[in-house]
């Protein structure tokens, strides 16, 4: 019986680990994208060109994996916000978007995956 409980606990633990932390799901991305200084600060953090806030460090940790997997471990809120932020960066901070792609996908291996994710509305 103890073995079954332990196995059940392990299965639940693994299933929960398949998603990124929802710690910042309520983070106000509009405060960032509507403030160029703040937006550039986060972008520089992601590119190892500047200091990172605790939130920036956490997001930075998942960028490569999210690009490689099409954000499959993202929560619903993270998927929605990722699309909004990337759209803003692509349209308003094009050089930074190119730098992010070079850093996290230098060989364009995952371009089709993250582009498909960005084009979806799920």
PDB file of N, CA and C in Angstrom:
ATOM      1  N   UNK A   1       0.821  -1.192   0.000  1.00  0.00           N
ATOM      2  CA  UNK A   1       0.000   0.000   0.000  1.00  0.00           C
ATOM      3  C   UNK A   1       0.868   1.260   0.000  1.00  0.00           C
ATOM      4  N   UNK A   2       1.926   1.258   0.827  1.00  0.00           N
ATOM      5  CA  UNK A   2       2.826   2.412   0.871  1.00  0.00           C
ATOM      6  C   UNK A   2       3.493   2.624  -0.480  1.00  0.00           C
ATOM      7  N   UNK A   3       3.812   1.530  -1.143  1.00  0.00           N
ATOM      8  CA  UNK A   3       4.458   1.614  -2.457  1.00  0.00           C
ATOM      9  C   UNK A   3       3.515   2.278  -3.466  1.00  0.00           C
ATOM     10  N   UNK A   4       2.232   1.944  -3.415  1.00  0.00           N
ATOM     11  CA  UNK A   4       1.255   2.534  -4.337  1.00  0.00           C
ATOM     12  C   UNK A   4       1.105   4.027  -4.059  1.00  0.00           C
ATOM     13  N   UNK A   5       1.069   4.409  -2.798  1.00  0.00           N
ATOM     14  CA  UNK A   5       0.977   5.823  -2.442  1.00  0.00           C
ATOM     15  C   UNK A   5       2.203   6.589  -2.919  1.00  0.00           C
ATOM     16  N   UNK A   6       3.371   5.997  -2.727  1.00  0.00           N
ATOM     17  CA  UNK A   6       4.609   6.629  -3.173  1.00  0.00           C
ATOM     18  C   UNK A   6       4.617   6.788  -4.690  1.00  0.00           C
ATOM     19  N   UNK A   7       4.199   5.759  -5.390  1.00  0.00           N
ATOM     20  CA  UNK A   7       4.135   5.809  -6.846  1.00  0.00           C
ATOM     21  C   UNK A   7       3.160   6.893  -7.301  1.00  0.00           C
ATOM     22  N   UNK A   8       2.005   6.958  -6.652  1.00  0.00           N
ATOM     23  CA  UNK A   8       1.021   8.000  -6.976  1.00  0.00           C
ATOM     24  C   UNK A   8       1.593   9.387  -6.756  1.00  0.00           C
ATOM     25  N   UNK A   9       2.308   9.572  -5.649  1.00  0.00           N
ATOM     26  CA  UNK A   9       2.938  10.856  -5.355  1.00  0.00           C
ATOM     27  C   UNK A   9       3.960  11.219  -6.425  1.00  0.00           C
ATOM     28  N   UNK A  10       4.750  10.255  -6.846  1.00  0.00           N
ATOM     29  CA  UNK A  10       5.755  10.504  -7.874  1.00  0.00           C
ATOM     30  C   UNK A  10       5.119  10.896  -9.203  1.00  0.00           C
ATOM     31  N   UNK A  11       4.029  10.219  -9.568  1.00  0.00           N
ATOM     32  CA  UNK A  11       3.342  10.533 -10.824  1.00  0.00           C
ATOM     33  C   UNK A  11       2.793  11.967 -10.784  1.00  0.00           C
ATOM     34  N   UNK A  12       2.179  12.341  -9.673  1.00  0.00           N
ATOM     35  CA  UNK A  12       1.651  13.700  -9.527  1.00  0.00           C
ATOM     36  C   UNK A  12       2.789  14.712  -9.567  1.00  0.00           C
ATOM     37  N   UNK A  13       3.893  14.417  -8.899  1.00  0.00           N
ATOM     38  CA  UNK A  13       5.036  15.335  -8.884  1.00  0.00           C
ATOM     39  C   UNK A  13       5.589  15.554 -10.285  1.00  0.00           C
ATOM     40  N   UNK A  14       5.722  14.498 -11.051  1.00  0.00           N
ATOM     41  CA  UNK A  14       6.234  14.604 -12.417  1.00  0.00           C
ATOM     42  C   UNK A  14       5.252  15.390 -13.277  1.00  0.00           C
ATOM     43  N   UNK A  15       3.967  15.131 -13.130  1.00  0.00           N
ATOM     44  CA  UNK A  15       2.959  15.828 -13.922  1.00  0.00           C
ATOM     45  C   UNK A  15       2.987  17.330 -13.618  1.00  0.00           C
ATOM     46  N   UNK A  16       3.135  17.696 -12.370  1.00  0.00           N
ATOM     47  CA  UNK A  16       3.185  19.109 -12.007  1.00  0.00           C
ATOM     48  C   UNK A  16       4.447  19.781 -12.522  1.00  0.00           C
ATOM     49  N   UNK A  17       5.530  19.041 -12.604  1.00  0.00           N
ATOM     50  CA  UNK A  17       6.799  19.596 -13.065  1.00  0.00           C
ATOM     51  C   UNK A  17       6.801  19.841 -14.573  1.00  0.00           C
ATOM     52  N   UNK A  18       5.787  19.356 -15.270  1.00  0.00           N
ATOM     53  CA  UNK A  18       5.726  19.521 -16.712  1.00  0.00           C
ATOM     54  C   UNK A  18       5.302  20.921 -17.130  1.00  0.00           C
ATOM     55  N   UNK A  19       4.919  21.763 -16.202  1.00  0.00           N
ATOM     56  CA  UNK A  19       4.552  23.147 -16.482  1.00  0.00           C
ATOM     57  C   UNK A  19       5.541  24.075 -15.793  1.00  0.00           C
ATOM     58  N   UNK A  20       5.753  25.244 -16.382  1.00  0.00           N
ATOM     59  CA  UNK A  20       6.562  26.246 -15.722  1.00  0.00           C
ATOM     60  C   UNK A  20       5.790  26.770 -14.514  1.00  0.00           C
ATOM     61  N   UNK A  21       6.496  27.331 -13.573  1.00  0.00           N
ATOM     62  CA  UNK A  21       5.860  27.911 -12.387  1.00  0.00           C
ATOM     63  C   UNK A  21       4.873  29.003 -12.803  1.00  0.00           C
ATOM     64  N   UNK A  22       3.742  29.050 -12.120  1.00  0.00           N
ATOM     65  CA  UNK A  22       2.752  30.088 -12.406  1.00  0.00           C
ATOM     66  C   UNK A  22       2.935  31.311 -11.501  1.00  0.00           C
ATOM     67  N   UNK A  23       4.092  31.395 -10.893  1.00  0.00           N
ATOM     68  CA  UNK A  23       4.391  32.455  -9.928  1.00  0.00           C
ATOM     69  C   UNK A  23       4.115  33.855 -10.473  1.00  0.00           C
ATOM     70  N   UNK A  24       4.377  34.076 -11.745  1.00  0.00           N
ATOM     71  CA  UNK A  24       4.220  35.411 -12.319  1.00  0.00           C
ATOM     72  C   UNK A  24       3.063  35.500 -13.319  1.00  0.00           C
ATOM     73  N   UNK A  25       2.126  34.591 -13.246  1.00  0.00           N
ATOM     74  CA  UNK A  25       1.003  34.621 -14.187  1.00  0.00           C
ATOM     75  C   UNK A  25       0.180  35.905 -14.088  1.00  0.00           C
ATOM     76  N   UNK A  26       0.213  36.565 -12.934  1.00  0.00           N
ATOM     77  CA  UNK A  26      -0.528  37.812 -12.758  1.00  0.00           C
ATOM     78  C   UNK A  26       0.341  39.049 -13.007  1.00  0.00           C
ATOM     79  N   UNK A  27       1.552  38.841 -13.467  1.00  0.00           N
ATOM     80  CA  UNK A  27       2.480  39.940 -13.744  1.00  0.00           C
ATOM     81  C   UNK A  27       1.886  40.848 -14.818  1.00  0.00           C
ATOM     82  N   UNK A  28       1.937  42.159 -14.603  1.00  0.00           N
ATOM     83  CA  UNK A  28       1.372  43.132 -15.528  1.00  0.00           C
ATOM     84  C   UNK A  28       2.356  43.423 -16.665  1.00  0.00           C
ATOM     85  N   UNK A  29       2.205  42.701 -17.763  1.00  0.00           N
ATOM     86  CA  UNK A  29       3.115  42.879 -18.894  1.00  0.00           C
ATOM     87  C   UNK A  29       2.927  44.240 -19.567  1.00  0.00           C
ATOM     88  N   UNK A  30       1.736  44.808 -19.445  1.00  0.00           N
ATOM     89  CA  UNK A  30       1.485  46.104 -20.090  1.00  0.00           C
ATOM     90  C   UNK A  30       2.295  47.219 -19.430  1.00  0.00           C
ATOM     91  N   UNK A  31       2.561  47.056 -18.145  1.00  0.00           N
ATOM     92  CA  UNK A  31       3.416  48.029 -17.461  1.00  0.00           C
ATOM     93  C   UNK A  31       4.808  48.023 -18.087  1.00  0.00           C
ATOM     94  N   UNK A  32       5.243  46.861 -18.513  1.00  0.00           N
ATOM     95  CA  UNK A  32       6.572  46.727 -19.120  1.00  0.00           C
ATOM     96  C   UNK A  32       6.563  47.192 -20.574  1.00  0.00           C
ATOM     97  N   UNK A  33       5.632  46.687 -21.364  1.00  0.00           N
ATOM     98  CA  UNK A  33       5.677  47.019 -22.791  1.00  0.00           C
ATOM     99  C   UNK A  33       5.300  48.472 -23.073  1.00  0.00           C
ATOM    100  N   UNK A  34       4.632  49.119 -22.126  1.00  0.00           N
ATOM    101  CA  UNK A  34       4.288  50.536 -22.310  1.00  0.00           C
ATOM    102  C   UNK A  34       5.345  51.481 -21.734  1.00  0.00           C
ATOM    103  N   UNK A  35       6.446  50.920 -21.271  1.00  0.00           N
ATOM    104  CA  UNK A  35       7.528  51.718 -20.708  1.00  0.00           C
ATOM    105  C   UNK A  35       8.826  51.269 -21.379  1.00  0.00           C
ATOM    106  N   UNK A  36       9.282  52.017 -22.372  1.00  0.00           N
ATOM    107  CA  UNK A  36      10.454  51.610 -23.161  1.00  0.00           C
ATOM    108  C   UNK A  36      11.674  51.334 -22.283  1.00  0.00           C
ATOM    109  N   UNK A  37      11.919  52.183 -21.298  1.00  0.00           N
ATOM    110  CA  UNK A  37      13.080  51.989 -20.421  1.00  0.00           C
ATOM    111  C   UNK A  37      12.995  50.640 -19.703  1.00  0.00           C
ATOM    112  N   UNK A  38      11.818  50.311 -19.199  1.00  0.00           N
ATOM    113  CA  UNK A  38      11.621  49.043 -18.500  1.00  0.00           C
ATOM    114  C   UNK A  38      11.721  47.861 -19.467  1.00  0.00           C
ATOM    115  N   UNK A  39      11.125  48.018 -20.648  1.00  0.00           N
ATOM    116  CA  UNK A  39      11.168  46.960 -21.655  1.00  0.00           C
ATOM    117  C   UNK A  39      12.616  46.666 -22.055  1.00  0.00           C
ATOM    118  N   UNK A  40      13.378  47.699 -22.334  1.00  0.00           N
ATOM    119  CA  UNK A  40      14.776  47.521 -22.737  1.00  0.00           C
ATOM    120  C   UNK A  40      15.583  46.887 -21.601  1.00  0.00           C
ATOM    121  N   UNK A  41      15.273  47.248 -20.379  1.00  0.00           N
ATOM    122  CA  UNK A  41      15.958  46.664 -19.235  1.00  0.00           C
ATOM    123  C   UNK A  41      15.748  45.140 -19.184  1.00  0.00           C
ATOM    124  N   UNK A  42      14.519  44.706 -19.393  1.00  0.00           N
ATOM    125  CA  UNK A  42      14.243  43.256 -19.424  1.00  0.00           C
ATOM    126  C   UNK A  42      14.936  42.599 -20.611  1.00  0.00           C
ATOM    127  N   UNK A  43      14.890  43.233 -21.766  1.00  0.00           N
ATOM    128  CA  UNK A  43      15.528  42.655 -22.948  1.00  0.00           C
ATOM    129  C   UNK A  43      17.033  42.510 -22.740  1.00  0.00           C
ATOM    130  N   UNK A  44      17.652  43.524 -22.148  1.00  0.00           N
ATOM    131  CA  UNK A  44      19.083  43.436 -21.869  1.00  0.00           C
ATOM    132  C   UNK A  44      19.375  42.318 -20.872  1.00  0.00           C
ATOM    133  N   UNK A  45      18.499  42.133 -19.901  1.00  0.00           N
ATOM    134  CA  UNK A  45      18.648  41.020 -18.964  1.00  0.00           C
ATOM    135  C   UNK A  45      18.654  39.696 -19.730  1.00  0.00           C
ATOM    136  N   UNK A  46      17.670  39.521 -20.609  1.00  0.00           N
ATOM    137  CA  UNK A  46      17.549  38.269 -21.363  1.00  0.00           C
ATOM    138  C   UNK A  46      18.768  38.009 -22.242  1.00  0.00           C
ATOM    139  N   UNK A  47      19.443  39.088 -22.628  1.00  0.00           N
ATOM    140  CA  UNK A  47      20.599  38.973 -23.525  1.00  0.00           C
ATOM    141  C   UNK A  47      21.936  39.012 -22.782  1.00  0.00           C
ATOM    142  N   UNK A  48      21.895  38.963 -21.455  1.00  0.00           N
ATOM    143  CA  UNK A  48      23.105  39.046 -20.624  1.00  0.00           C
ATOM    144  C   UNK A  48      23.862  40.354 -20.855  1.00  0.00           C
ATOM    145  N   UNK A  49      23.120  41.416 -21.126  1.00  0.00           N
ATOM    146  CA  UNK A  49      23.727  42.730 -21.348  1.00  0.00           C
ATOM    147  C   UNK A  49      23.416  43.699 -20.210  1.00  0.00           C
ATOM    148  N   UNK A  50      22.673  43.238 -19.239  1.00  0.00           N
ATOM    149  CA  UNK A  50      22.291  44.110 -18.131  1.00  0.00           C
ATOM    150  C   UNK A  50      21.840  43.299 -16.934  1.00  0.00           C
ATOM    151  N   UNK A  51      21.552  44.014 -15.875  1.00  0.00           N
ATOM    152  CA  UNK A  51      21.106  43.368 -14.646  1.00  0.00           C
ATOM    153  C   UNK A  51      19.691  42.817 -14.814  1.00  0.00           C
ATOM    154  N   UNK A  52      19.374  41.823 -14.011  1.00  0.00           N
ATOM    155  CA  UNK A  52      18.058  41.198 -14.057  1.00  0.00           C
ATOM    156  C   UNK A  52      17.308  41.395 -12.745  1.00  0.00           C
ATOM    157  N   UNK A  53      16.021  41.655 -12.859  1.00  0.00           N
ATOM    158  CA  UNK A  53      15.149  41.620 -11.696  1.00  0.00           C
ATOM    159  C   UNK A  53      14.893  40.144 -11.373  1.00  0.00           C
ATOM    160  N   UNK A  54      14.349  39.832 -10.219  1.00  0.00           N
ATOM    161  CA  UNK A  54      14.002  38.430  -9.932  1.00  0.00           C
ATOM    162  C   UNK A  54      13.067  37.851 -11.001  1.00  0.00           C
ATOM    163  N   UNK A  55      12.090  38.646 -11.454  1.00  0.00           N
ATOM    164  CA  UNK A  55      11.172  38.171 -12.503  1.00  0.00           C
ATOM    165  C   UNK A  55      11.930  37.921 -13.800  1.00  0.00           C
ATOM    166  N   UNK A  56      12.835  38.840 -14.136  1.00  0.00           N
ATOM    167  CA  UNK A  56      13.622  38.691 -15.349  1.00  0.00           C
ATOM    168  C   UNK A  56      14.476  37.435 -15.331  1.00  0.00           C
ATOM    169  N   UNK A  57      15.094  37.149 -14.190  1.00  0.00           N
ATOM    170  CA  UNK A  57      15.903  35.927 -14.050  1.00  0.00           C
ATOM    171  C   UNK A  57      15.054  34.690 -14.284  1.00  0.00           C
ATOM    172  N   UNK A  58      13.857  34.689 -13.706  1.00  0.00           N
ATOM    173  CA  UNK A  58      12.983  33.519 -13.853  1.00  0.00           C
ATOM    174  C   UNK A  58      12.538  33.327 -15.297  1.00  0.00           C
ATOM    175  N   UNK A  59      12.135  34.408 -15.947  1.00  0.00           N
ATOM    176  CA  UNK A  59      11.699  34.308 -17.342  1.00  0.00           C
ATOM    177  C   UNK A  59      12.866  33.860 -18.218  1.00  0.00           C
ATOM    178  N   UNK A  60      14.005  34.456 -18.008  1.00  0.00           N
ATOM    179  CA  UNK A  60      15.204  34.140 -18.791  1.00  0.00           C
ATOM    180  C   UNK A  60      15.537  32.645 -18.739  1.00  0.00           C
ATOM    181  N   UNK A  61      15.283  32.048 -17.593  1.00  0.00           N
ATOM    182  CA  UNK A  61      15.569  30.630 -17.405  1.00  0.00           C
ATOM    183  C   UNK A  61      14.783  29.745 -18.384  1.00  0.00           C
ATOM    184  N   UNK A  62      13.621  30.221 -18.827  1.00  0.00           N
ATOM    185  CA  UNK A  62      12.726  29.394 -19.642  1.00  0.00           C
ATOM    186  C   UNK A  62      12.672  29.778 -21.113  1.00  0.00           C
ATOM    187  N   UNK A  63      13.332  30.851 -21.508  1.00  0.00           N
ATOM    188  CA  UNK A  63      13.198  31.326 -22.892  1.00  0.00           C
ATOM    189  C   UNK A  63      13.608  30.263 -23.908  1.00  0.00           C
ATOM    190  N   UNK A  64      14.766  29.702 -23.748  1.00  0.00           N
ATOM    191  CA  UNK A  64      15.259  28.726 -24.732  1.00  0.00           C
ATOM    192  C   UNK A  64      14.320  27.529 -24.827  1.00  0.00           C
ATOM    193  N   UNK A  65      13.943  26.984 -23.674  1.00  0.00           N
ATOM    194  CA  UNK A  65      13.047  25.826 -23.668  1.00  0.00           C
ATOM    195  C   UNK A  65      11.704  26.171 -24.300  1.00  0.00           C
ATOM    196  N   UNK A  66      11.181  27.347 -23.994  1.00  0.00           N
ATOM    197  CA  UNK A  66       9.890  27.760 -24.564  1.00  0.00           C
ATOM    198  C   UNK A  66       9.984  27.893 -26.086  1.00  0.00           C
ATOM    199  N   UNK A  67      11.093  28.419 -26.573  1.00  0.00           N
ATOM    200  CA  UNK A  67      11.271  28.535 -28.023  1.00  0.00           C
ATOM    201  C   UNK A  67      11.399  27.152 -28.662  1.00  0.00           C
ATOM    202  N   UNK A  68      12.113  26.257 -28.017  1.00  0.00           N
ATOM    203  CA  UNK A  68      12.337  24.914 -28.553  1.00  0.00           C
ATOM    204  C   UNK A  68      11.076  24.070 -28.563  1.00  0.00           C
ATOM    205  N   UNK A  69      10.186  24.303 -27.604  1.00  0.00           N
ATOM    206  CA  UNK A  69       9.004  23.450 -27.457  1.00  0.00           C
ATOM    207  C   UNK A  69       7.705  24.130 -27.862  1.00  0.00           C
ATOM    208  N   UNK A  70       7.777  25.359 -28.329  1.00  0.00           N
ATOM    209  CA  UNK A  70       6.555  26.073 -28.663  1.00  0.00           C
ATOM    210  C   UNK A  70       5.724  26.371 -27.428  1.00  0.00           C
ATOM    211  N   UNK A  71       6.425  26.601 -26.322  1.00  0.00           N
ATOM    212  CA  UNK A  71       5.791  27.002 -25.055  1.00  0.00           C
ATOM    213  C   UNK A  71       4.860  25.909 -24.517  1.00  0.00           C
ATOM    214  N   UNK A  72       5.188  24.661 -24.773  1.00  0.00           N
ATOM    215  CA  UNK A  72       4.295  23.576 -24.352  1.00  0.00           C
ATOM    216  C   UNK A  72       4.194  23.444 -22.831  1.00  0.00           C
ATOM    217  N   UNK A  73       5.163  23.944 -22.099  1.00  0.00           N
ATOM    218  CA  UNK A  73       5.116  23.883 -20.638  1.00  0.00           C
ATOM    219  C   UNK A  73       4.541  25.157 -20.027  1.00  0.00           C
ATOM    220  N   UNK A  74       4.151  26.103 -20.883  1.00  0.00           N
ATOM    221  CA  UNK A  74       3.592  27.369 -20.403  1.00  0.00           C
ATOM    222  C   UNK A  74       2.163  27.167 -19.917  1.00  0.00           C
ATOM    223  N   UNK A  75       1.804  27.955 -18.929  1.00  0.00           N
ATOM    224  CA  UNK A  75       0.408  27.996 -18.520  1.00  0.00           C
ATOM    225  C   UNK A  75      -0.363  28.788 -19.581  1.00  0.00           C
ATOM    226  N   UNK A  76      -1.666  28.760 -19.496  1.00  0.00           N
ATOM    227  CA  UNK A  76      -2.480  29.511 -20.454  1.00  0.00           C
ATOM    228  C   UNK A  76      -2.141  31.003 -20.403  1.00  0.00           C
ATOM    229  N   UNK A  77      -2.005  31.538 -19.201  1.00  0.00           N
ATOM    230  CA  UNK A  77      -1.664  32.957 -19.049  1.00  0.00           C
ATOM    231  C   UNK A  77      -0.294  33.254 -19.663  1.00  0.00           C
ATOM    232  N   UNK A  78       0.666  32.367 -19.472  1.00  0.00           N
ATOM    233  CA  UNK A  78       2.006  32.571 -20.014  1.00  0.00           C
ATOM    234  C   UNK A  78       1.993  32.551 -21.535  1.00  0.00           C
ATOM    235  N   UNK A  79       1.207  31.641 -22.120  1.00  0.00           N
ATOM    236  CA  UNK A  79       1.117  31.597 -23.590  1.00  0.00           C
ATOM    237  C   UNK A  79       0.558  32.910 -24.133  1.00  0.00           C
ATOM    238  N   UNK A  80      -0.518  33.378 -23.529  1.00  0.00           N
ATOM    239  CA  UNK A  80      -1.146  34.626 -23.980  1.00  0.00           C
ATOM    240  C   UNK A  80      -0.179  35.798 -23.853  1.00  0.00           C
ATOM    241  N   UNK A  81       0.463  35.900 -22.704  1.00  0.00           N
ATOM    242  CA  UNK A  81       1.373  37.021 -22.455  1.00  0.00           C
ATOM    243  C   UNK A  81       2.628  36.922 -23.316  1.00  0.00           C
ATOM    244  N   UNK A  82       3.113  35.726 -23.553  1.00  0.00           N
ATOM    245  CA  UNK A  82       4.293  35.552 -24.409  1.00  0.00           C
ATOM    246  C   UNK A  82       4.008  36.088 -25.808  1.00  0.00           C
ATOM    247  N   UNK A  83       2.829  35.776 -26.325  1.00  0.00           N
ATOM    248  CA  UNK A  83       2.475  36.254 -27.668  1.00  0.00           C
ATOM    249  C   UNK A  83       2.390  37.776 -27.711  1.00  0.00           C
ATOM    250  N   UNK A  84       1.817  38.371 -26.673  1.00  0.00           N
ATOM    251  CA  UNK A  84       1.694  39.832 -26.627  1.00  0.00           C
ATOM    252  C   UNK A  84       3.071  40.483 -26.568  1.00  0.00           C
ATOM    253  N   UNK A  85       3.921  39.967 -25.696  1.00  0.00           N
ATOM    254  CA  UNK A  85       5.250  40.555 -25.521  1.00  0.00           C
ATOM    255  C   UNK A  85       6.090  40.376 -26.789  1.00  0.00           C
ATOM    256  N   UNK A  86       6.095  39.180 -27.352  1.00  0.00           N
ATOM    257  CA  UNK A  86       6.903  38.945 -28.554  1.00  0.00           C
ATOM    258  C   UNK A  86       6.403  39.812 -29.702  1.00  0.00           C
ATOM    259  N   UNK A  87       5.098  39.927 -29.841  1.00  0.00           N
ATOM    260  CA  UNK A  87       4.548  40.792 -30.890  1.00  0.00           C
ATOM    261  C   UNK A  87       5.031  42.231 -30.700  1.00  0.00           C
ATOM    262  N   UNK A  88       5.009  42.693 -29.463  1.00  0.00           N
ATOM    263  CA  UNK A  88       5.483  44.048 -29.183  1.00  0.00           C
ATOM    264  C   UNK A  88       6.976  44.191 -29.523  1.00  0.00           C
ATOM    265  N   UNK A  89       7.773  43.233 -29.103  1.00  0.00           N
ATOM    266  CA  UNK A  89       9.219  43.307 -29.350  1.00  0.00           C
ATOM    267  C   UNK A  89       9.497  43.251 -30.851  1.00  0.00           C
ATOM    268  N   UNK A  90       8.828  42.370 -31.563  1.00  0.00           N
ATOM    269  CA  UNK A  90       9.022  42.274 -33.012  1.00  0.00           C
ATOM    270  C   UNK A  90       8.694  43.588 -33.718  1.00  0.00           C
ATOM    271  N   UNK A  91       7.633  44.245 -33.256  1.00  0.00           N
ATOM    272  CA  UNK A  91       7.182  45.466 -33.925  1.00  0.00           C
ATOM    273  C   UNK A  91       7.896  46.727 -33.464  1.00  0.00           C
ATOM    274  N   UNK A  92       8.400  46.726 -32.230  1.00  0.00           N
ATOM    275  CA  UNK A  92       8.942  47.957 -31.658  1.00  0.00           C
ATOM    276  C   UNK A  92      10.414  47.896 -31.262  1.00  0.00           C
ATOM    277  N   UNK A  93      10.932  46.710 -31.115  1.00  0.00           N
ATOM    278  CA  UNK A  93      12.335  46.530 -30.697  1.00  0.00           C
ATOM    279  C   UNK A  93      12.976  45.457 -31.583  1.00  0.00           C
ATOM    280  N   UNK A  94      12.936  45.685 -32.877  1.00  0.00           N
ATOM    281  CA  UNK A  94      13.353  44.669 -33.856  1.00  0.00           C
ATOM    282  C   UNK A  94      14.781  44.176 -33.658  1.00  0.00           C
ATOM    283  N   UNK A  95      15.694  45.078 -33.333  1.00  0.00           N
ATOM    284  CA  UNK A  95      17.091  44.663 -33.131  1.00  0.00           C
ATOM    285  C   UNK A  95      17.202  43.712 -31.945  1.00  0.00           C
ATOM    286  N   UNK A  96      16.467  44.001 -30.895  1.00  0.00           N
ATOM    287  CA  UNK A  96      16.488  43.107 -29.729  1.00  0.00           C
ATOM    288  C   UNK A  96      15.885  41.750 -30.073  1.00  0.00           C
ATOM    289  N   UNK A  97      14.825  41.732 -30.887  1.00  0.00           N
ATOM    290  CA  UNK A  97      14.239  40.450 -31.295  1.00  0.00           C
ATOM    291  C   UNK A  97      15.267  39.629 -32.073  1.00  0.00           C
ATOM    292  N   UNK A  98      15.979  40.265 -32.970  1.00  0.00           N
ATOM    293  CA  UNK A  98      17.016  39.552 -33.731  1.00  0.00           C
ATOM    294  C   UNK A  98      18.099  39.022 -32.789  1.00  0.00           C
ATOM    295  N   UNK A  99      18.495  39.827 -31.821  1.00  0.00           N
ATOM    296  CA  UNK A  99      19.505  39.398 -30.844  1.00  0.00           C
ATOM    297  C   UNK A  99      19.010  38.226 -29.998  1.00  0.00           C
ATOM    298  N   UNK A 100      17.749  38.252 -29.614  1.00  0.00           N
ATOM    299  CA  UNK A 100      17.186  37.136 -28.831  1.00  0.00           C
ATOM    300  C   UNK A 100      17.198  35.859 -29.656  1.00  0.00           C
ATOM    301  N   UNK A 101      16.802  35.961 -30.924  1.00  0.00           N
ATOM    302  CA  UNK A 101      16.828  34.774 -31.785  1.00  0.00           C
ATOM    303  C   UNK A 101      18.255  34.249 -31.942  1.00  0.00           C
ATOM    304  N   UNK A 102      19.215  35.151 -32.119  1.00  0.00           N
ATOM    305  CA  UNK A 102      20.611  34.728 -32.267  1.00  0.00           C
ATOM    306  C   UNK A 102      21.125  34.039 -31.006  1.00  0.00           C
ATOM    307  N   UNK A 103      20.724  34.547 -29.858  1.00  0.00           N
ATOM    308  CA  UNK A 103      21.197  33.979 -28.594  1.00  0.00           C
ATOM    309  C   UNK A 103      20.543  32.625 -28.290  1.00  0.00           C
ATOM    310  N   UNK A 104      19.235  32.550 -28.449  1.00  0.00           N
ATOM    311  CA  UNK A 104      18.508  31.364 -28.001  1.00  0.00           C
ATOM    312  C   UNK A 104      18.228  30.354 -29.113  1.00  0.00           C
ATOM    313  N   UNK A 105      18.380  30.749 -30.368  1.00  0.00           N
ATOM    314  CA  UNK A 105      18.210  29.837 -31.498  1.00  0.00           C
ATOM    315  C   UNK A 105      19.152  30.254 -32.623  1.00  0.00           C
ATOM    316  N   UNK A 106      20.457  30.165 -32.373  1.00  0.00           N
ATOM    317  CA  UNK A 106      21.440  30.699 -33.327  1.00  0.00           C
ATOM    318  C   UNK A 106      21.412  30.048 -34.711  1.00  0.00           C
ATOM    319  N   UNK A 107      20.942  28.818 -34.785  1.00  0.00           N
ATOM    320  CA  UNK A 107      20.921  28.120 -36.074  1.00  0.00           C
ATOM    321  C   UNK A 107      19.526  28.023 -36.670  1.00  0.00           C
ATOM    322  N   UNK A 108      18.588  28.766 -36.123  1.00  0.00           N
ATOM    323  CA  UNK A 108      17.192  28.733 -36.583  1.00  0.00           C
ATOM    324  C   UNK A 108      16.597  27.327 -36.555  1.00  0.00           C
ATOM    325  N   UNK A 109      17.070  26.504 -35.639  1.00  0.00           N
ATOM    326  CA  UNK A 109      16.565  25.134 -35.531  1.00  0.00           C
ATOM    327  C   UNK A 109      15.108  25.080 -35.092  1.00  0.00           C
ATOM    328  N   UNK A 110      14.695  26.042 -34.283  1.00  0.00           N
ATOM    329  CA  UNK A 110      13.374  25.993 -33.670  1.00  0.00           C
ATOM    330  C   UNK A 110      12.422  27.043 -34.218  1.00  0.00           C
ATOM    331  N   UNK A 111      12.840  27.736 -35.261  1.00  0.00           N
ATOM    332  CA  UNK A 111      12.045  28.832 -35.806  1.00  0.00           C
ATOM    333  C   UNK A 111      10.630  28.381 -36.172  1.00  0.00           C
ATOM    334  N   UNK A 112      10.510  27.254 -36.860  1.00  0.00           N
ATOM    335  CA  UNK A 112       9.185  26.772 -37.252  1.00  0.00           C
ATOM    336  C   UNK A 112       8.312  26.490 -36.030  1.00  0.00           C
ATOM    337  N   UNK A 113       8.938  25.992 -34.960  1.00  0.00           N
ATOM    338  CA  UNK A 113       8.189  25.645 -33.752  1.00  0.00           C
ATOM    339  C   UNK A 113       7.672  26.907 -33.067  1.00  0.00           C
ATOM    340  N   UNK A 114       8.562  27.871 -32.815  1.00  0.00           N
ATOM    341  CA  UNK A 114       8.082  29.053 -32.090  1.00  0.00           C
ATOM    342  C   UNK A 114       7.236  29.951 -32.977  1.00  0.00           C
ATOM    343  N   UNK A 115       7.480  29.958 -34.280  1.00  0.00           N
ATOM    344  CA  UNK A 115       6.624  30.750 -35.165  1.00  0.00           C
ATOM    345  C   UNK A 115       5.211  30.161 -35.207  1.00  0.00           C
ATOM    346  N   UNK A 116       5.104  28.843 -35.225  1.00  0.00           N
ATOM    347  CA  UNK A 116       3.782  28.201 -35.194  1.00  0.00           C
ATOM    348  C   UNK A 116       3.070  28.528 -33.886  1.00  0.00           C
ATOM    349  N   UNK A 117       3.806  28.480 -32.782  1.00  0.00           N
ATOM    350  CA  UNK A 117       3.218  28.837 -31.492  1.00  0.00           C
ATOM    351  C   UNK A 117       2.708  30.273 -31.515  1.00  0.00           C
ATOM    352  N   UNK A 118       3.533  31.186 -32.005  1.00  0.00           N
ATOM    353  CA  UNK A 118       3.153  32.605 -32.014  1.00  0.00           C
ATOM    354  C   UNK A 118       1.937  32.872 -32.914  1.00  0.00           C
ATOM    355  N   UNK A 119       1.777  32.072 -33.941  1.00  0.00           N
ATOM    356  CA  UNK A 119       0.659  32.258 -34.873  1.00  0.00           C
ATOM    357  C   UNK A 119      -0.662  31.684 -34.342  1.00  0.00           C
ATOM    358  N   UNK A 120      -0.559  30.732 -33.421  1.00  0.00           N
ATOM    359  CA  UNK A 120      -1.779  30.111 -32.847  1.00  0.00           C
ATOM    360  C   UNK A 120      -2.466  31.050 -31.883  1.00  0.00           C
ATOM    361  N   UNK A 121      -3.700  30.692 -31.579  1.00  0.00           N
ATOM    362  CA  UNK A 121      -4.478  31.471 -30.601  1.00  0.00           C
ATOM    363  C   UNK A 121      -5.140  30.500 -29.620  1.00  0.00           C
ATOM    364  N   UNK A 122      -4.300  29.863 -28.806  1.00  0.00           N
ATOM    365  CA  UNK A 122      -4.863  28.882 -27.855  1.00  0.00           C
ATOM    366  C   UNK A 122      -4.672  29.283 -26.440  1.00  0.00           C
TER     367      UNK A 122
END
